[in-house]
Amino acid sequence: APPSGPLFLPSYPTVESGPLHGAAYLYDNAVAAIALVGCGEQDKA
């Protein structure tokens, strides 16, 4: 992603069209943030 700024991760990065394209589900991003903290990647979380 661009190197700075608040960021939501895509839930389905390979979907190219339709309702899931570019959608960043809150649950998915919350779990990703928790996981990144556990991985020692506090800055990314």
All heavy atoms as atom14 arrays in JSON, in Angstrom:
{
  "sequence": "APPSGPLFLPSYPTVESGPLHGAAYLYDNAVAAIALVGCGEQDKA",
  "atom14_mask": [
    [1, 1, 1, 1, 1, 0, 0, 0, 0, 0, 0, 0, 0, 0],
    [1, 1, 1, 1, 1, 1, 1, 0, 0, 0, 0, 0, 0, 0],
    [1, 1, 1, 1, 1, 1, 1, 0, 0, 0, 0, 0, 0, 0],
    [1, 1, 1, 1, 1, 1, 0, 0, 0, 0, 0, 0, 0, 0],
    [1, 1, 1, 1, 0, 0, 0, 0, 0, 0, 0, 0, 0, 0],
    [1, 1, 1, 1, 1, 1, 1, 0, 0, 0, 0, 0, 0, 0],
    [1, 1, 1, 1, 1, 1, 1, 1, 0, 0, 0, 0, 0, 0],
    [1, 1, 1, 1, 1, 1, 1, 1, 1, 1, 1, 0, 0, 0],
    [1, 1, 1, 1, 1, 1, 1, 1, 0, 0, 0, 0, 0, 0],
    [1, 1, 1, 1, 1, 1, 1, 0, 0, 0, 0, 0, 0, 0],
    [1, 1, 1, 1, 1, 1, 0, 0, 0, 0, 0, 0, 0, 0],
    [1, 1, 1, 1, 1, 1, 1, 1, 1, 1, 1, 1, 0, 0],
    [1, 1, 1, 1, 1, 1, 1, 0, 0, 0, 0, 0, 0, 0],
    [1, 1, 1, 1, 1, 1, 1, 0, 0, 0, 0, 0, 0, 0],
    [1, 1, 1, 1, 1, 1, 1, 0, 0, 0, 0, 0, 0, 0],
    [1, 1, 1, 1, 1, 1, 1, 1, 1, 0, 0, 0, 0, 0],
    [1, 1, 1, 1, 1, 1, 0, 0, 0, 0, 0, 0, 0, 0],
    [1, 1, 1, 1, 0, 0, 0, 0, 0, 0, 0, 0, 0, 0],
    [1, 1, 1, 1, 1, 1, 1, 0, 0, 0, 0, 0, 0, 0],
    [1, 1, 1, 1, 1, 1, 1, 1, 0, 0, 0, 0, 0, 0],
    [1, 1, 1, 1, 1, 1, 1, 1, 1, 1, 0, 0, 0, 0],
    [1, 1, 1, 1, 0, 0, 0, 0, 0, 0, 0, 0, 0, 0],
    [1, 1, 1, 1, 1, 0, 0, 0, 0, 0, 0, 0, 0, 0],
    [1, 1, 1, 1, 1, 0, 0, 0, 0, 0, 0, 0, 0, 0],
    [1, 1, 1, 1, 1, 1, 1, 1, 1, 1, 1, 1, 0, 0],
    [1, 1, 1, 1, 1, 1, 1, 1, 0, 0, 0, 0, 0, 0],
    [1, 1, 1, 1, 1, 1, 1, 1, 1, 1, 1, 1, 0, 0],
    [1, 1, 1, 1, 1, 1, 1, 1, 0, 0, 0, 0, 0, 0],
    [1, 1, 1, 1, 1, 1, 1, 1, 0, 0, 0, 0, 0, 0],
    [1, 1, 1, 1, 1, 0, 0, 0, 0, 0, 0, 0, 0, 0],
    [1, 1, 1, 1, 1, 1, 1, 0, 0, 0, 0, 0, 0, 0],
    [1, 1, 1, 1, 1, 0, 0, 0, 0, 0, 0, 0, 0, 0],
    [1, 1, 1, 1, 1, 0, 0, 0, 0, 0, 0, 0, 0, 0],
    [1, 1, 1, 1, 1, 1, 1, 1, 0, 0, 0, 0, 0, 0],
    [1, 1, 1, 1, 1, 0, 0, 0, 0, 0, 0, 0, 0, 0],
    [1, 1, 1, 1, 1, 1, 1, 1, 0, 0, 0, 0, 0, 0],
    [1, 1, 1, 1, 1, 1, 1, 0, 0, 0, 0, 0, 0, 0],
    [1, 1, 1, 1, 0, 0, 0, 0, 0, 0, 0, 0, 0, 0],
    [1, 1, 1, 1, 1, 1, 0, 0, 0, 0, 0, 0, 0, 0],
    [1, 1, 1, 1, 0, 0, 0, 0, 0, 0, 0, 0, 0, 0],
    [1, 1, 1, 1, 1, 1, 1, 1, 1, 0, 0, 0, 0, 0],
    [1, 1, 1, 1, 1, 1, 1, 1, 1, 0, 0, 0, 0, 0],
    [1, 1, 1, 1, 1, 1, 1, 1, 0, 0, 0, 0, 0, 0],
    [1, 1, 1, 1, 1, 1, 1, 1, 1, 0, 0, 0, 0, 0],
    [1, 1, 1, 1, 1, 0, 0, 0, 0, 0, 0, 0, 0, 0]
  ],
  "atom14_positions": [
    [[0.84, -1.19, 0.0], [0.0, 0.0, 0.0], [0.88, 1.25, 0.0], [2.09, 1.17, 0.23], [-0.91, -0.02, 1.23], [0.0, 0.0, 0.0], [0.0, 0.0, 0.0], [0.0, 0.0, 0.0], [0.0, 0.0, 0.0], [0.0, 0.0, 0.0], [0.0, 0.0, 0.0], [0.0, 0.0, 0.0], [0.0, 0.0, 0.0], [0.0, 0.0, 0.0]],
    [[0.3, 2.42, -0.28], [1.06, 3.66, -0.12], [1.71, 3.71, 1.26], [1.15, 3.2, 2.24], [-0.01, 4.74, -0.3], [-1.01, 4.1, -1.22], [-1.05, 2.66, -0.81], [0.0, 0.0, 0.0], [0.0, 0.0, 0.0], [0.0, 0.0, 0.0], [0.0, 0.0, 0.0], [0.0, 0.0, 0.0], [0.0, 0.0, 0.0], [0.0, 0.0, 0.0]],
    [[2.86, 4.36, 1.38], [3.71, 4.18, 2.55], [3.25, 4.83, 3.84], [3.85, 4.58, 4.88], [5.06, 4.78, 2.1], [4.69, 5.76, 1.04], [3.52, 5.17, 0.33], [0.0, 0.0, 0.0], [0.0, 0.0, 0.0], [0.0, 0.0, 0.0], [0.0, 0.0, 0.0], [0.0, 0.0, 0.0], [0.0, 0.0, 0.0], [0.0, 0.0, 0.0]],
    [[2.22, 5.64, 3.81], [1.82, 6.3, 5.05], [0.31, 6.55, 5.05], [-0.34, 6.5, 4.01], [2.57, 7.62, 5.24], [2.25, 8.52, 4.2], [0.0, 0.0, 0.0], [0.0, 0.0, 0.0], [0.0, 0.0, 0.0], [0.0, 0.0, 0.0], [0.0, 0.0, 0.0], [0.0, 0.0, 0.0], [0.0, 0.0, 0.0], [0.0, 0.0, 0.0]],
    [[-0.2, 6.82, 6.24], [-1.6, 7.15, 6.39], [-2.44, 6.0, 6.9], [-2.07, 4.83, 6.76], [0.0, 0.0, 0.0], [0.0, 0.0, 0.0], [0.0, 0.0, 0.0], [0.0, 0.0, 0.0], [0.0, 0.0, 0.0], [0.0, 0.0, 0.0], [0.0, 0.0, 0.0], [0.0, 0.0, 0.0], [0.0, 0.0, 0.0], [0.0, 0.0, 0.0]],
    [[-3.59, 6.31, 7.5], [-4.52, 5.26, 7.94], [-4.92, 4.38, 6.77], [-5.09, 4.86, 5.65], [-5.72, 6.07, 8.46], [-5.16, 7.41, 8.8], [-4.09, 7.66, 7.81], [0.0, 0.0, 0.0], [0.0, 0.0, 0.0], [0.0, 0.0, 0.0], [0.0, 0.0, 0.0], [0.0, 0.0, 0.0], [0.0, 0.0, 0.0], [0.0, 0.0, 0.0]],
    [[-5.11, 3.09, 7.04], [-5.26, 2.13, 5.94], [-6.24, 1.03, 6.3], [-6.16, 0.44, 7.38], [-3.9, 1.5, 5.63], [-3.84, 0.4, 4.57], [-4.13, 0.97, 3.19], [-2.48, -0.28, 4.59], [0.0, 0.0, 0.0], [0.0, 0.0, 0.0], [0.0, 0.0, 0.0], [0.0, 0.0, 0.0], [0.0, 0.0, 0.0], [0.0, 0.0, 0.0]],
    [[-7.16, 0.75, 5.38], [-8.0, -0.45, 5.46], [-7.5, -1.46, 4.42], [-7.31, -1.11, 3.25], [-9.47, -0.12, 5.18], [-10.19, 0.51, 6.32], [-10.78, 1.76, 6.19], [-10.32, -0.15, 7.55], [-11.47, 2.34, 7.24], [-11.0, 0.43, 8.6], [-11.57, 1.68, 8.45], [0.0, 0.0, 0.0], [0.0, 0.0, 0.0], [0.0, 0.0, 0.0]],
    [[-7.34, -2.71, 4.85], [-6.9, -3.78, 3.94], [-8.09, -4.4, 3.23], [-9.15, -4.6, 3.84], [-6.17, -4.87, 4.72], [-4.85, -4.47, 5.39], [-4.28, -5.66, 6.15], [-3.85, -3.97, 4.37], [0.0, 0.0, 0.0], [0.0, 0.0, 0.0], [0.0, 0.0, 0.0], [0.0, 0.0, 0.0], [0.0, 0.0, 0.0], [0.0, 0.0, 0.0]],
    [[-7.93, -4.77, 1.95], [-9.03, -5.44, 1.25], [-9.26, -6.84, 1.8], [-8.31, -7.57, 2.08], [-8.54, -5.48, -0.2], [-7.04, -5.48, -0.08], [-6.74, -4.61, 1.11], [0.0, 0.0, 0.0], [0.0, 0.0, 0.0], [0.0, 0.0, 0.0], [0.0, 0.0, 0.0], [0.0, 0.0, 0.0], [0.0, 0.0, 0.0], [0.0, 0.0, 0.0]],
    [[-10.52, -7.21, 1.95], [-10.84, -8.55, 2.45], [-10.66, -9.61, 1.37], [-10.34, -10.76, 1.68], [-12.27, -8.57, 2.98], [-12.4, -7.76, 4.13], [0.0, 0.0, 0.0], [0.0, 0.0, 0.0], [0.0, 0.0, 0.0], [0.0, 0.0, 0.0], [0.0, 0.0, 0.0], [0.0, 0.0, 0.0], [0.0, 0.0, 0.0], [0.0, 0.0, 0.0]],
    [[-10.87, -9.23, 0.11], [-10.77, -10.17, -1.01], [-9.88, -9.54, -2.08], [-10.38, -9.02, -3.08], [-12.15, -10.5, -1.57], [-13.07, -11.16, -0.56], [-13.88, -10.4, 0.27], [-13.09, -12.55, -0.43], [-14.7, -11.0, 1.21], [-13.92, -13.15, 0.5], [-14.72, -12.38, 1.31], [-15.53, -12.98, 2.24], [0.0, 0.0, 0.0], [0.0, 0.0, 0.0]],
    [[-8.56, -9.56, -1.89], [-7.66, -8.81, -2.77], [-7.71, -9.21, -4.23], [-7.38, -8.39, -5.1], [-6.27, -9.1, -2.18], [-6.52, -9.53, -0.78], [-7.84, -10.22, -0.79], [0.0, 0.0, 0.0], [0.0, 0.0, 0.0], [0.0, 0.0, 0.0], [0.0, 0.0, 0.0], [0.0, 0.0, 0.0], [0.0, 0.0, 0.0], [0.0, 0.0, 0.0]],
    [[-8.12, -10.44, -4.53], [-8.1, -10.9, -5.92], [-9.42, -10.73, -6.65], [-9.49, -10.98, -7.86], [-7.68, -12.38, -5.99], [-8.63, -13.17, -5.27], [-6.3, -12.58, -5.36], [0.0, 0.0, 0.0], [0.0, 0.0, 0.0], [0.0, 0.0, 0.0], [0.0, 0.0, 0.0], [0.0, 0.0, 0.0], [0.0, 0.0, 0.0], [0.0, 0.0, 0.0]],
    [[-10.48, -10.33, -5.94], [-11.79, -10.13, -6.59], [-11.75, -8.84, -7.39], [-11.35, -7.79, -6.88], [-12.91, -10.1, -5.55], [-14.24, -9.7, -6.19], [-13.05, -11.46, -4.87], [0.0, 0.0, 0.0], [0.0, 0.0, 0.0], [0.0, 0.0, 0.0], [0.0, 0.0, 0.0], [0.0, 0.0, 0.0], [0.0, 0.0, 0.0], [0.0, 0.0, 0.0]],
    [[-12.16, -8.9, -8.65], [-11.99, -7.76, -9.55], [-13.28, -6.99, -9.85], [-13.23, -5.94, -10.5], [-11.36, -8.24, -10.87], [-9.97, -8.83, -10.67], [-9.33, -9.28, -11.97], [-10.03, -9.24, -13.0], [-8.15, -9.66, -11.95], [0.0, 0.0, 0.0], [0.0, 0.0, 0.0], [0.0, 0.0, 0.0], [0.0, 0.0, 0.0], [0.0, 0.0, 0.0]],
    [[-14.43, -7.5, -9.42], [-15.67, -6.79, -9.69], [-16.74, -7.24, -8.7], [-16.59, -8.25, -8.02], [-16.14, -7.03, -11.13], [-16.43, -8.41, -11.32], [0.0, 0.0, 0.0], [0.0, 0.0, 0.0], [0.0, 0.0, 0.0], [0.0, 0.0, 0.0], [0.0, 0.0, 0.0], [0.0, 0.0, 0.0], [0.0, 0.0, 0.0], [0.0, 0.0, 0.0]],
    [[-17.83, -6.48, -8.65], [-18.96, -6.87, -7.82], [-18.85, -6.38, -6.39], [-17.95, -5.61, -6.03], [0.0, 0.0, 0.0], [0.0, 0.0, 0.0], [0.0, 0.0, 0.0], [0.0, 0.0, 0.0], [0.0, 0.0, 0.0], [0.0, 0.0, 0.0], [0.0, 0.0, 0.0], [0.0, 0.0, 0.0], [0.0, 0.0, 0.0], [0.0, 0.0, 0.0]],
    [[-19.75, -6.83, -5.52], [-19.85, -6.31, -4.16], [-18.6, -6.52, -3.29], [-18.39, -5.76, -2.34], [-21.04, -7.08, -3.57], [-21.84, -7.5, -4.75], [-20.85, -7.75, -5.84], [0.0, 0.0, 0.0], [0.0, 0.0, 0.0], [0.0, 0.0, 0.0], [0.0, 0.0, 0.0], [0.0, 0.0, 0.0], [0.0, 0.0, 0.0], [0.0, 0.0, 0.0]],
    [[-17.79, -7.53, -3.59], [-16.63, -7.8, -2.76], [-15.37, -7.08, -3.25], [-14.36, -7.04, -2.54], [-16.36, -9.31, -2.7], [-17.47, -10.15, -2.07], [-17.09, -11.62, -2.05], [-17.79, -9.66, -0.66], [0.0, 0.0, 0.0], [0.0, 0.0, 0.0], [0.0, 0.0, 0.0], [0.0, 0.0, 0.0], [0.0, 0.0, 0.0], [0.0, 0.0, 0.0]],
    [[-15.42, -6.52, -4.44], [-14.25, -5.83, -4.97], [-13.96, -4.57, -4.16], [-14.8, -3.7, -4.0], [-14.49, -5.43, -6.43], [-13.39, -4.57, -6.99], [-12.09, -5.0, -7.1], [-13.41, -3.29, -7.47], [-11.35, -4.05, -7.63], [-12.12, -3.0, -7.84], [0.0, 0.0, 0.0], [0.0, 0.0, 0.0], [0.0, 0.0, 0.0], [0.0, 0.0, 0.0]],
    [[-12.75, -4.5, -3.62], [-12.35, -3.33, -2.86], [-13.03, -3.18, -1.52], [-12.91, -2.12, -0.88], [0.0, 0.0, 0.0], [0.0, 0.0, 0.0], [0.0, 0.0, 0.0], [0.0, 0.0, 0.0], [0.0, 0.0, 0.0], [0.0, 0.0, 0.0], [0.0, 0.0, 0.0], [0.0, 0.0, 0.0], [0.0, 0.0, 0.0], [0.0, 0.0, 0.0]],
    [[-13.72, -4.22, -1.05], [-14.4, -4.14, 0.25], [-13.43, -4.51, 1.37], [-12.74, -5.53, 1.31], [-15.6, -5.07, 0.28], [0.0, 0.0, 0.0], [0.0, 0.0, 0.0], [0.0, 0.0, 0.0], [0.0, 0.0, 0.0], [0.0, 0.0, 0.0], [0.0, 0.0, 0.0], [0.0, 0.0, 0.0], [0.0, 0.0, 0.0], [0.0, 0.0, 0.0]],
    [[-13.39, -3.67, 2.38], [-12.56, -3.91, 3.55], [-13.49, -4.12, 4.74], [-13.99, -3.16, 5.33], [-11.63, -2.73, 3.79], [0.0, 0.0, 0.0], [0.0, 0.0, 0.0], [0.0, 0.0, 0.0], [0.0, 0.0, 0.0], [0.0, 0.0, 0.0], [0.0, 0.0, 0.0], [0.0, 0.0, 0.0], [0.0, 0.0, 0.0], [0.0, 0.0, 0.0]],
    [[-13.76, -5.37, 5.06], [-14.69, -5.65, 6.14], [-14.07, -5.28, 7.49], [-12.89, -5.53, 7.74], [-15.1, -7.13, 6.13], [-16.17, -7.42, 5.1], [-15.83, -7.83, 3.81], [-17.51, -7.27, 5.4], [-16.8, -8.07, 2.85], [-18.5, -7.52, 4.46], [-18.13, -7.91, 3.19], [-19.1, -8.14, 2.24], [0.0, 0.0, 0.0], [0.0, 0.0, 0.0]],
    [[-14.88, -4.67, 8.34], [-14.4, -4.21, 9.63], [-13.85, -5.37, 10.45], [-12.78, -5.25, 11.07], [-15.55, -3.52, 10.37], [-15.23, -2.99, 11.77], [-14.17, -1.9, 11.72], [-16.51, -2.46, 12.44], [0.0, 0.0, 0.0], [0.0, 0.0, 0.0], [0.0, 0.0, 0.0], [0.0, 0.0, 0.0], [0.0, 0.0, 0.0], [0.0, 0.0, 0.0]],
    [[-14.58, -6.48, 10.48], [-14.12, -7.65, 11.24], [-12.75, -8.11, 10.76], [-11.83, -8.35, 11.56], [-15.13, -8.79, 11.12], [-14.61, -10.11, 11.62], [-14.67, -10.41, 12.98], [-14.05, -11.04, 10.75], [-14.18, -11.62, 13.46], [-13.57, -12.25, 11.22], [-13.63, -12.53, 12.57], [-13.13, -13.72, 13.02], [0.0, 0.0, 0.0], [0.0, 0.0, 0.0]],
    [[-12.58, -8.23, 9.45], [-11.3, -8.71, 8.9], [-10.16, -7.78, 9.28], [-9.05, -8.23, 9.64], [-11.38, -8.81, 7.37], [-12.41, -9.83, 6.92], [-12.83, -10.67, 7.73], [-12.8, -9.78, 5.74], [0.0, 0.0, 0.0], [0.0, 0.0, 0.0], [0.0, 0.0, 0.0], [0.0, 0.0, 0.0], [0.0, 0.0, 0.0], [0.0, 0.0, 0.0]],
    [[-10.39, -6.48, 9.19], [-9.34, -5.53, 9.51], [-9.03, -5.51, 11.0], [-7.87, -5.36, 11.4], [-9.72, -4.14, 9.01], [-9.36, -3.95, 7.55], [-8.29, -3.44, 7.22], [-10.24, -4.38, 6.65], [0.0, 0.0, 0.0], [0.0, 0.0, 0.0], [0.0, 0.0, 0.0], [0.0, 0.0, 0.0], [0.0, 0.0, 0.0], [0.0, 0.0, 0.0]],
    [[-10.05, -5.7, 11.83], [-9.82, -5.77, 13.26], [-8.95, -6.97, 13.61], [-7.99, -6.86, 14.38], [-11.15, -5.84, 14.01], [0.0, 0.0, 0.0], [0.0, 0.0, 0.0], [0.0, 0.0, 0.0], [0.0, 0.0, 0.0], [0.0, 0.0, 0.0], [0.0, 0.0, 0.0], [0.0, 0.0, 0.0], [0.0, 0.0, 0.0], [0.0, 0.0, 0.0]],
    [[-9.28, -8.12, 13.04], [-8.5, -9.33, 13.32], [-7.08, -9.18, 12.79], [-6.11, -9.61, 13.43], [-9.2, -10.57, 12.74], [-8.32, -11.8, 12.89], [-10.53, -10.8, 13.44], [0.0, 0.0, 0.0], [0.0, 0.0, 0.0], [0.0, 0.0, 0.0], [0.0, 0.0, 0.0], [0.0, 0.0, 0.0], [0.0, 0.0, 0.0], [0.0, 0.0, 0.0]],
    [[-6.94, -8.56, 11.61], [-5.6, -8.34, 11.04], [-4.78, -7.45, 11.97], [-3.57, -7.7, 12.19], [-5.71, -7.71, 9.66], [0.0, 0.0, 0.0], [0.0, 0.0, 0.0], [0.0, 0.0, 0.0], [0.0, 0.0, 0.0], [0.0, 0.0, 0.0], [0.0, 0.0, 0.0], [0.0, 0.0, 0.0], [0.0, 0.0, 0.0], [0.0, 0.0, 0.0]],
    [[-5.38, -6.41, 12.52], [-4.65, -5.52, 13.43], [-4.2, -6.27, 14.67], [-3.06, -6.12, 15.13], [-5.53, -4.33, 13.81], [0.0, 0.0, 0.0], [0.0, 0.0, 0.0], [0.0, 0.0, 0.0], [0.0, 0.0, 0.0], [0.0, 0.0, 0.0], [0.0, 0.0, 0.0], [0.0, 0.0, 0.0], [0.0, 0.0, 0.0], [0.0, 0.0, 0.0]],
    [[-5.09, -7.07, 15.25], [-4.73, -7.85, 16.43], [-3.59, -8.81, 16.11], [-2.63, -8.97, 16.89], [-5.96, -8.61, 16.96], [-7.01, -7.62, 17.47], [-5.58, -9.59, 18.07], [-8.37, -8.24, 17.76], [0.0, 0.0, 0.0], [0.0, 0.0, 0.0], [0.0, 0.0, 0.0], [0.0, 0.0, 0.0], [0.0, 0.0, 0.0], [0.0, 0.0, 0.0]],
    [[-3.67, -9.46, 14.96], [-2.62, -10.4, 14.55], [-1.29, -9.68, 14.36], [-0.24, -10.19, 14.77], [-3.03, -11.11, 13.26], [0.0, 0.0, 0.0], [0.0, 0.0, 0.0], [0.0, 0.0, 0.0], [0.0, 0.0, 0.0], [0.0, 0.0, 0.0], [0.0, 0.0, 0.0], [0.0, 0.0, 0.0], [0.0, 0.0, 0.0], [0.0, 0.0, 0.0]],
    [[-1.32, -8.51, 13.75], [-0.08, -7.76, 13.52], [0.57, -7.35, 14.84], [1.8, -7.37, 14.96], [-0.36, -6.54, 12.64], [-0.6, -6.85, 11.16], [-1.24, -5.66, 10.46], [0.71, -7.25, 10.47], [0.0, 0.0, 0.0], [0.0, 0.0, 0.0], [0.0, 0.0, 0.0], [0.0, 0.0, 0.0], [0.0, 0.0, 0.0], [0.0, 0.0, 0.0]],
    [[-0.24, -7.0, 15.82], [0.33, -6.72, 17.15], [1.02, -7.96, 17.68], [2.14, -7.9, 18.21], [-0.78, -6.24, 18.12], [-0.24, -6.16, 19.54], [-1.31, -4.87, 17.69], [0.0, 0.0, 0.0], [0.0, 0.0, 0.0], [0.0, 0.0, 0.0], [0.0, 0.0, 0.0], [0.0, 0.0, 0.0], [0.0, 0.0, 0.0], [0.0, 0.0, 0.0]],
    [[0.36, -9.12, 17.53], [0.96, -10.36, 17.99], [2.22, -10.74, 17.24], [3.08, -11.44, 17.76], [0.0, 0.0, 0.0], [0.0, 0.0, 0.0], [0.0, 0.0, 0.0], [0.0, 0.0, 0.0], [0.0, 0.0, 0.0], [0.0, 0.0, 0.0], [0.0, 0.0, 0.0], [0.0, 0.0, 0.0], [0.0, 0.0, 0.0], [0.0, 0.0, 0.0]],
    [[2.32, -10.26, 16.0], [3.51, -10.53, 15.18], [4.65, -9.56, 15.46], [5.71, -9.65, 14.83], [3.15, -10.43, 13.69], [1.98, -11.67, 13.1], [0.0, 0.0, 0.0], [0.0, 0.0, 0.0], [0.0, 0.0, 0.0], [0.0, 0.0, 0.0], [0.0, 0.0, 0.0], [0.0, 0.0, 0.0], [0.0, 0.0, 0.0], [0.0, 0.0, 0.0]],
    [[4.43, -8.59, 16.33], [5.45, -7.59, 16.59], [5.46, -6.47, 15.57], [6.42, -5.69, 15.5], [0.0, 0.0, 0.0], [0.0, 0.0, 0.0], [0.0, 0.0, 0.0], [0.0, 0.0, 0.0], [0.0, 0.0, 0.0], [0.0, 0.0, 0.0], [0.0, 0.0, 0.0], [0.0, 0.0, 0.0], [0.0, 0.0, 0.0], [0.0, 0.0, 0.0]],
    [[4.39, -6.35, 14.79], [4.3, -5.32, 13.75], [3.35, -4.21, 14.22], [2.36, -3.88, 13.59], [3.78, -5.93, 12.44], [4.7, -6.99, 11.84], [5.86, -6.37, 11.08], [6.03, -5.14, 11.13], [6.61, -7.13, 10.44], [0.0, 0.0, 0.0], [0.0, 0.0, 0.0], [0.0, 0.0, 0.0], [0.0, 0.0, 0.0], [0.0, 0.0, 0.0]],
    [[3.67, -3.61, 15.36], [2.82, -2.61, 15.97], [2.56, -1.43, 15.04], [1.44, -0.92, 14.95], [3.46, -2.11, 17.27], [2.58, -1.17, 18.1], [1.65, -1.91, 19.02], [1.71, -3.13, 19.15], [0.78, -1.18, 19.7], [0.0, 0.0, 0.0], [0.0, 0.0, 0.0], [0.0, 0.0, 0.0], [0.0, 0.0, 0.0], [0.0, 0.0, 0.0]],
    [[3.59, -0.99, 14.32], [3.43, 0.17, 13.44], [2.43, -0.11, 12.32], [1.67, 0.77, 11.92], [4.78, 0.57, 12.84], [5.71, 1.18, 13.88], [5.23, 1.55, 14.96], [6.92, 1.29, 13.6], [0.0, 0.0, 0.0], [0.0, 0.0, 0.0], [0.0, 0.0, 0.0], [0.0, 0.0, 0.0], [0.0, 0.0, 0.0], [0.0, 0.0, 0.0]],
    [[2.42, -1.35, 11.81], [1.48, -1.7, 10.76], [0.06, -1.82, 11.31], [-0.91, -1.39, 10.68], [1.93, -2.99, 10.07], [3.19, -2.83, 9.22], [3.57, -4.13, 8.55], [4.69, -3.91, 7.51], [5.92, -3.34, 8.08], [0.0, 0.0, 0.0], [0.0, 0.0, 0.0], [0.0, 0.0, 0.0], [0.0, 0.0, 0.0], [0.0, 0.0, 0.0]],
    [[-0.07, -2.39, 12.5], [-1.38, -2.45, 13.14], [-1.9, -1.04, 13.42], [-3.11, -0.78, 13.31], [-1.28, -3.24, 14.45], [0.0, 0.0, 0.0], [0.0, 0.0, 0.0], [0.0, 0.0, 0.0], [0.0, 0.0, 0.0], [0.0, 0.0, 0.0], [0.0, 0.0, 0.0], [0.0, 0.0, 0.0], [0.0, 0.0, 0.0], [0.0, 0.0, 0.0]]
  ]
}
